[in-house]
N, C-alpha and C. Protein backbone atom coordinates (compact mmCIF):
# COMPACT_ATOMS: atom_id res chain seq x y z
N MET A 1 16.84 -57.92 70.81
CA MET A 1 17.51 -57.11 71.81
C MET A 1 18.42 -56.10 71.14
N ARG A 2 18.56 -54.96 71.78
CA ARG A 2 19.42 -53.89 71.25
C ARG A 2 20.88 -54.20 71.53
N GLU A 3 21.75 -53.77 70.61
CA GLU A 3 23.19 -53.97 70.76
C GLU A 3 23.82 -52.71 71.35
N ILE A 4 24.82 -52.90 72.21
CA ILE A 4 25.61 -51.79 72.76
C ILE A 4 27.08 -52.18 72.78
N SER A 5 27.93 -51.15 72.84
CA SER A 5 29.37 -51.37 73.01
C SER A 5 29.92 -50.59 74.20
N HIS A 6 29.13 -49.66 74.74
CA HIS A 6 29.54 -48.82 75.87
C HIS A 6 28.39 -48.62 76.84
N ILE A 7 28.74 -48.28 78.07
CA ILE A 7 27.76 -47.89 79.08
C ILE A 7 28.28 -46.63 79.76
N THR A 8 27.39 -45.68 79.96
CA THR A 8 27.73 -44.45 80.68
C THR A 8 26.97 -44.45 82.01
N LEU A 9 27.68 -44.11 83.08
CA LEU A 9 27.06 -43.99 84.40
C LEU A 9 27.29 -42.59 84.93
N LYS A 10 26.20 -41.94 85.35
CA LYS A 10 26.27 -40.66 86.04
C LYS A 10 25.96 -40.93 87.51
N ASN A 11 26.89 -40.58 88.39
CA ASN A 11 26.71 -40.82 89.82
C ASN A 11 26.18 -39.55 90.49
N GLN A 12 24.89 -39.53 90.78
CA GLN A 12 24.26 -38.41 91.47
C GLN A 12 24.07 -38.69 92.95
N GLY A 13 24.64 -39.80 93.42
CA GLY A 13 24.53 -40.17 94.83
C GLY A 13 25.63 -39.52 95.66
N ASP A 14 25.59 -39.80 96.95
CA ASP A 14 26.61 -39.27 97.86
C ASP A 14 27.58 -40.37 98.27
N PHE A 15 27.96 -41.23 97.33
CA PHE A 15 28.81 -42.38 97.59
C PHE A 15 29.61 -42.70 96.33
N ILE A 16 30.60 -43.58 96.46
CA ILE A 16 31.33 -44.05 95.28
C ILE A 16 30.66 -45.32 94.77
N VAL A 17 30.85 -45.61 93.50
CA VAL A 17 30.26 -46.80 92.89
C VAL A 17 31.25 -47.40 91.89
N ARG A 18 31.25 -48.72 91.83
CA ARG A 18 32.09 -49.43 90.85
C ARG A 18 31.16 -50.03 89.80
N PRO A 19 31.23 -49.53 88.55
CA PRO A 19 30.40 -50.10 87.49
C PRO A 19 30.89 -51.49 87.11
N GLY A 20 29.97 -52.38 86.84
CA GLY A 20 30.30 -53.72 86.41
C GLY A 20 29.21 -54.28 85.51
N PHE A 21 29.32 -55.57 85.19
CA PHE A 21 28.42 -56.17 84.23
C PHE A 21 28.10 -57.60 84.63
N VAL A 22 26.92 -58.04 84.26
CA VAL A 22 26.54 -59.44 84.45
C VAL A 22 26.21 -59.98 83.06
N TYR A 23 26.79 -61.14 82.73
CA TYR A 23 26.49 -61.78 81.45
C TYR A 23 26.45 -63.29 81.62
N VAL A 24 25.93 -63.96 80.62
CA VAL A 24 25.87 -65.42 80.63
C VAL A 24 26.91 -65.93 79.65
N ASP A 25 27.78 -66.84 80.13
CA ASP A 25 28.82 -67.37 79.25
C ASP A 25 28.28 -68.50 78.38
N GLY A 26 29.14 -69.05 77.55
CA GLY A 26 28.75 -70.11 76.62
C GLY A 26 28.24 -71.38 77.29
N LYS A 27 28.54 -71.57 78.56
CA LYS A 27 28.09 -72.74 79.30
C LYS A 27 26.79 -72.47 80.06
N GLY A 28 26.27 -71.24 79.95
CA GLY A 28 25.03 -70.89 80.64
C GLY A 28 25.25 -70.40 82.06
N SER A 29 26.50 -70.18 82.46
CA SER A 29 26.79 -69.69 83.81
C SER A 29 26.67 -68.17 83.85
N ARG A 30 26.11 -67.67 84.92
CA ARG A 30 25.97 -66.23 85.13
C ARG A 30 27.29 -65.69 85.68
N ILE A 31 27.90 -64.74 84.97
CA ILE A 31 29.20 -64.19 85.34
C ILE A 31 29.04 -62.72 85.71
N CYS A 32 29.59 -62.35 86.87
CA CYS A 32 29.60 -60.95 87.29
C CYS A 32 31.01 -60.42 87.09
N GLU A 33 31.15 -59.46 86.21
CA GLU A 33 32.45 -58.86 85.88
C GLU A 33 32.55 -57.50 86.55
N LYS A 34 33.38 -57.39 87.59
CA LYS A 34 33.56 -56.11 88.27
C LYS A 34 34.33 -55.15 87.39
N GLY A 35 33.96 -53.90 87.49
CA GLY A 35 34.64 -52.86 86.71
C GLY A 35 36.03 -52.59 87.22
N HIS A 36 36.79 -51.82 86.43
CA HIS A 36 38.17 -51.50 86.76
C HIS A 36 38.33 -50.13 87.40
N MET A 37 37.23 -49.42 87.61
CA MET A 37 37.32 -48.06 88.15
C MET A 37 36.22 -47.81 89.16
N MET A 38 36.41 -46.77 89.94
CA MET A 38 35.39 -46.29 90.87
C MET A 38 34.92 -44.93 90.35
N VAL A 39 33.62 -44.68 90.45
CA VAL A 39 33.06 -43.40 90.02
C VAL A 39 32.66 -42.62 91.27
N ALA A 40 33.29 -41.48 91.48
CA ALA A 40 33.04 -40.66 92.67
C ALA A 40 31.68 -39.98 92.58
N ALA A 41 31.19 -39.55 93.74
CA ALA A 41 29.94 -38.79 93.80
C ALA A 41 30.05 -37.56 92.91
N GLY A 42 29.02 -37.32 92.12
CA GLY A 42 29.00 -36.16 91.24
C GLY A 42 29.75 -36.34 89.93
N SER A 43 30.32 -37.51 89.69
CA SER A 43 31.10 -37.76 88.48
C SER A 43 30.35 -38.67 87.51
N SER A 44 30.85 -38.72 86.29
CA SER A 44 30.32 -39.61 85.26
C SER A 44 31.47 -40.38 84.64
N ALA A 45 31.15 -41.54 84.07
CA ALA A 45 32.16 -42.35 83.39
C ALA A 45 31.52 -43.10 82.24
N THR A 46 32.28 -43.26 81.16
CA THR A 46 31.87 -44.09 80.05
C THR A 46 32.77 -45.31 80.02
N ILE A 47 32.16 -46.47 79.99
CA ILE A 47 32.89 -47.73 80.07
C ILE A 47 32.76 -48.46 78.74
N SER A 48 33.88 -48.86 78.17
CA SER A 48 33.90 -49.67 76.95
C SER A 48 33.86 -51.13 77.35
N LEU A 49 32.88 -51.86 76.86
CA LEU A 49 32.73 -53.26 77.23
C LEU A 49 33.90 -54.12 76.75
N LYS A 50 34.58 -53.71 75.67
CA LYS A 50 35.70 -54.50 75.17
C LYS A 50 36.86 -54.55 76.16
N ASP A 51 36.93 -53.59 77.08
CA ASP A 51 38.00 -53.54 78.08
C ASP A 51 37.77 -54.51 79.24
N HIS A 52 36.65 -55.25 79.22
CA HIS A 52 36.30 -56.10 80.36
C HIS A 52 36.26 -57.59 80.03
N GLY A 53 36.69 -57.98 78.84
CA GLY A 53 36.76 -59.39 78.49
C GLY A 53 35.42 -60.06 78.29
N ILE A 54 34.39 -59.29 78.04
CA ILE A 54 33.07 -59.86 77.80
C ILE A 54 33.05 -60.40 76.36
N PRO A 55 32.64 -61.64 76.17
CA PRO A 55 32.63 -62.21 74.82
C PRO A 55 31.62 -61.50 73.91
N GLU A 56 32.03 -61.26 72.69
CA GLU A 56 31.16 -60.66 71.66
C GLU A 56 29.87 -61.48 71.55
N GLY A 57 28.74 -60.80 71.49
CA GLY A 57 27.44 -61.46 71.35
C GLY A 57 26.79 -61.86 72.66
N SER A 58 27.47 -61.60 73.80
CA SER A 58 26.89 -61.95 75.10
C SER A 58 25.71 -61.05 75.43
N CYS A 59 24.73 -61.62 76.11
CA CYS A 59 23.63 -60.83 76.67
C CYS A 59 24.13 -60.28 78.01
N ILE A 60 24.04 -58.96 78.17
CA ILE A 60 24.59 -58.35 79.39
C ILE A 60 23.58 -57.41 80.04
N THR A 61 23.76 -57.23 81.33
CA THR A 61 23.06 -56.19 82.08
C THR A 61 24.11 -55.40 82.84
N PHE A 62 23.76 -54.18 83.19
CA PHE A 62 24.66 -53.31 83.94
C PHE A 62 24.52 -53.61 85.42
N TYR A 63 25.62 -53.54 86.14
CA TYR A 63 25.67 -53.85 87.56
C TYR A 63 26.45 -52.73 88.26
N ALA A 64 25.90 -52.19 89.33
CA ALA A 64 26.56 -51.13 90.09
C ALA A 64 26.90 -51.64 91.48
N GLU A 65 28.19 -51.78 91.76
CA GLU A 65 28.65 -52.21 93.08
C GLU A 65 28.79 -50.98 93.96
N VAL A 66 28.04 -50.96 95.06
CA VAL A 66 28.06 -49.86 96.02
C VAL A 66 28.78 -50.38 97.27
N PRO A 67 30.06 -50.04 97.46
CA PRO A 67 30.83 -50.62 98.56
C PRO A 67 30.23 -50.45 99.95
N GLN A 68 29.54 -49.35 100.21
CA GLN A 68 28.99 -49.12 101.55
C GLN A 68 27.52 -49.48 101.66
N GLY A 69 26.95 -50.12 100.65
CA GLY A 69 25.53 -50.45 100.68
C GLY A 69 25.20 -51.57 99.73
N PRO A 70 23.91 -51.80 99.49
CA PRO A 70 23.52 -52.87 98.59
C PRO A 70 23.83 -52.53 97.13
N ASP A 71 24.29 -53.53 96.40
CA ASP A 71 24.58 -53.38 94.98
C ASP A 71 23.27 -53.31 94.20
N ARG A 72 23.33 -52.77 92.99
CA ARG A 72 22.15 -52.62 92.15
C ARG A 72 22.42 -53.23 90.78
N GLU A 73 21.43 -53.95 90.25
CA GLU A 73 21.52 -54.53 88.90
C GLU A 73 20.38 -53.98 88.06
N ALA A 74 20.71 -53.55 86.85
CA ALA A 74 19.70 -53.01 85.94
C ALA A 74 18.82 -54.14 85.41
N HIS A 75 17.64 -53.77 84.95
CA HIS A 75 16.70 -54.75 84.40
C HIS A 75 16.81 -54.88 82.89
N GLN A 76 17.45 -53.93 82.23
CA GLN A 76 17.57 -53.95 80.78
C GLN A 76 18.63 -54.98 80.37
N ILE A 77 18.35 -55.70 79.29
CA ILE A 77 19.30 -56.67 78.75
C ILE A 77 19.69 -56.20 77.35
N PHE A 78 20.99 -56.19 77.10
CA PHE A 78 21.52 -55.79 75.80
C PHE A 78 22.42 -56.89 75.27
N VAL A 79 22.72 -56.83 73.98
CA VAL A 79 23.70 -57.73 73.36
C VAL A 79 24.96 -56.92 73.13
N TYR A 80 26.10 -57.47 73.57
CA TYR A 80 27.37 -56.78 73.36
C TYR A 80 27.83 -56.97 71.92
N ALA A 81 28.02 -55.84 71.22
CA ALA A 81 28.53 -55.83 69.86
C ALA A 81 29.60 -54.75 69.79
N GLU A 82 30.85 -55.15 69.73
CA GLU A 82 31.99 -54.23 69.83
C GLU A 82 31.94 -53.07 68.83
N ASP A 83 31.53 -53.32 67.61
CA ASP A 83 31.60 -52.29 66.57
C ASP A 83 30.31 -51.49 66.38
N CYS A 84 29.29 -51.71 67.20
CA CYS A 84 28.01 -51.05 66.94
C CYS A 84 28.01 -49.56 67.31
N GLY A 85 28.80 -49.16 68.31
CA GLY A 85 28.88 -47.76 68.69
C GLY A 85 27.75 -47.24 69.56
N ASN A 86 26.80 -48.09 69.97
CA ASN A 86 25.69 -47.65 70.82
C ASN A 86 26.09 -47.65 72.29
N THR A 87 25.52 -46.71 73.03
CA THR A 87 25.81 -46.57 74.46
C THR A 87 24.51 -46.60 75.25
N ALA A 88 24.50 -47.35 76.34
CA ALA A 88 23.39 -47.35 77.28
C ALA A 88 23.75 -46.39 78.41
N HIS A 89 22.83 -45.49 78.74
CA HIS A 89 23.08 -44.45 79.75
C HIS A 89 22.28 -44.73 81.02
N TYR A 90 22.99 -44.72 82.16
CA TYR A 90 22.38 -44.98 83.46
C TYR A 90 22.73 -43.85 84.42
N VAL A 91 21.92 -43.73 85.47
CA VAL A 91 22.18 -42.80 86.56
C VAL A 91 21.93 -43.54 87.86
N ILE A 92 22.77 -43.27 88.86
CA ILE A 92 22.55 -43.81 90.20
C ILE A 92 22.45 -42.62 91.15
N SER A 93 21.52 -42.72 92.10
CA SER A 93 21.30 -41.60 93.02
C SER A 93 20.91 -42.13 94.40
N GLY A 94 20.76 -41.21 95.34
CA GLY A 94 20.39 -41.56 96.70
C GLY A 94 21.59 -41.62 97.62
N THR A 95 21.47 -42.48 98.62
CA THR A 95 22.55 -42.70 99.58
C THR A 95 23.08 -44.12 99.39
N ALA A 96 24.23 -44.41 99.97
CA ALA A 96 24.79 -45.75 99.85
C ALA A 96 23.83 -46.80 100.40
N ALA A 97 23.14 -46.49 101.46
CA ALA A 97 22.21 -47.43 102.08
C ALA A 97 20.91 -47.56 101.31
N ASN A 98 20.56 -46.54 100.51
CA ASN A 98 19.27 -46.53 99.82
C ASN A 98 19.44 -45.90 98.43
N SER A 99 20.15 -46.59 97.56
CA SER A 99 20.41 -46.04 96.22
C SER A 99 19.38 -46.55 95.21
N THR A 100 19.28 -45.80 94.12
CA THR A 100 18.38 -46.16 93.02
C THR A 100 19.17 -46.09 91.72
N LEU A 101 19.10 -47.16 90.93
CA LEU A 101 19.74 -47.21 89.63
C LEU A 101 18.67 -47.03 88.57
N GLY A 102 18.86 -46.04 87.70
CA GLY A 102 17.87 -45.77 86.67
C GLY A 102 18.46 -45.80 85.28
N PHE A 103 17.67 -46.31 84.34
CA PHE A 103 18.05 -46.34 82.92
C PHE A 103 17.55 -45.05 82.28
N LEU A 104 18.43 -44.34 81.59
CA LEU A 104 18.05 -43.09 80.94
C LEU A 104 17.68 -43.31 79.48
N LYS A 105 18.60 -43.89 78.70
CA LYS A 105 18.35 -44.11 77.28
C LYS A 105 19.47 -44.95 76.69
N GLU A 106 19.24 -45.39 75.47
CA GLU A 106 20.24 -46.12 74.71
C GLU A 106 20.34 -45.44 73.34
N VAL A 107 21.53 -44.99 73.01
CA VAL A 107 21.76 -44.33 71.71
C VAL A 107 23.06 -44.80 71.11
């Protein structure tokens, strides 16, 4: 699996979104970590995973909380490595009721 330390979200939808993460802890429990910010329509944000208390080496996926509609979870799985410097880039689009989360690239 590829290592990342950051995630970038571009919001092309007509709604706000709260970026978050899903990871598995040392006991095998699935943990959903809500983000600390909201990303407005037409805006982008880069999120550092170290700011969210995710344990180093955890397998994570990106999670987009859409307050006015269904939440979206990415299908890509990465390993969190604080010092690697890689970023996974995502875009969310559509409407709050019918949004689409897409993976762009990992660099």
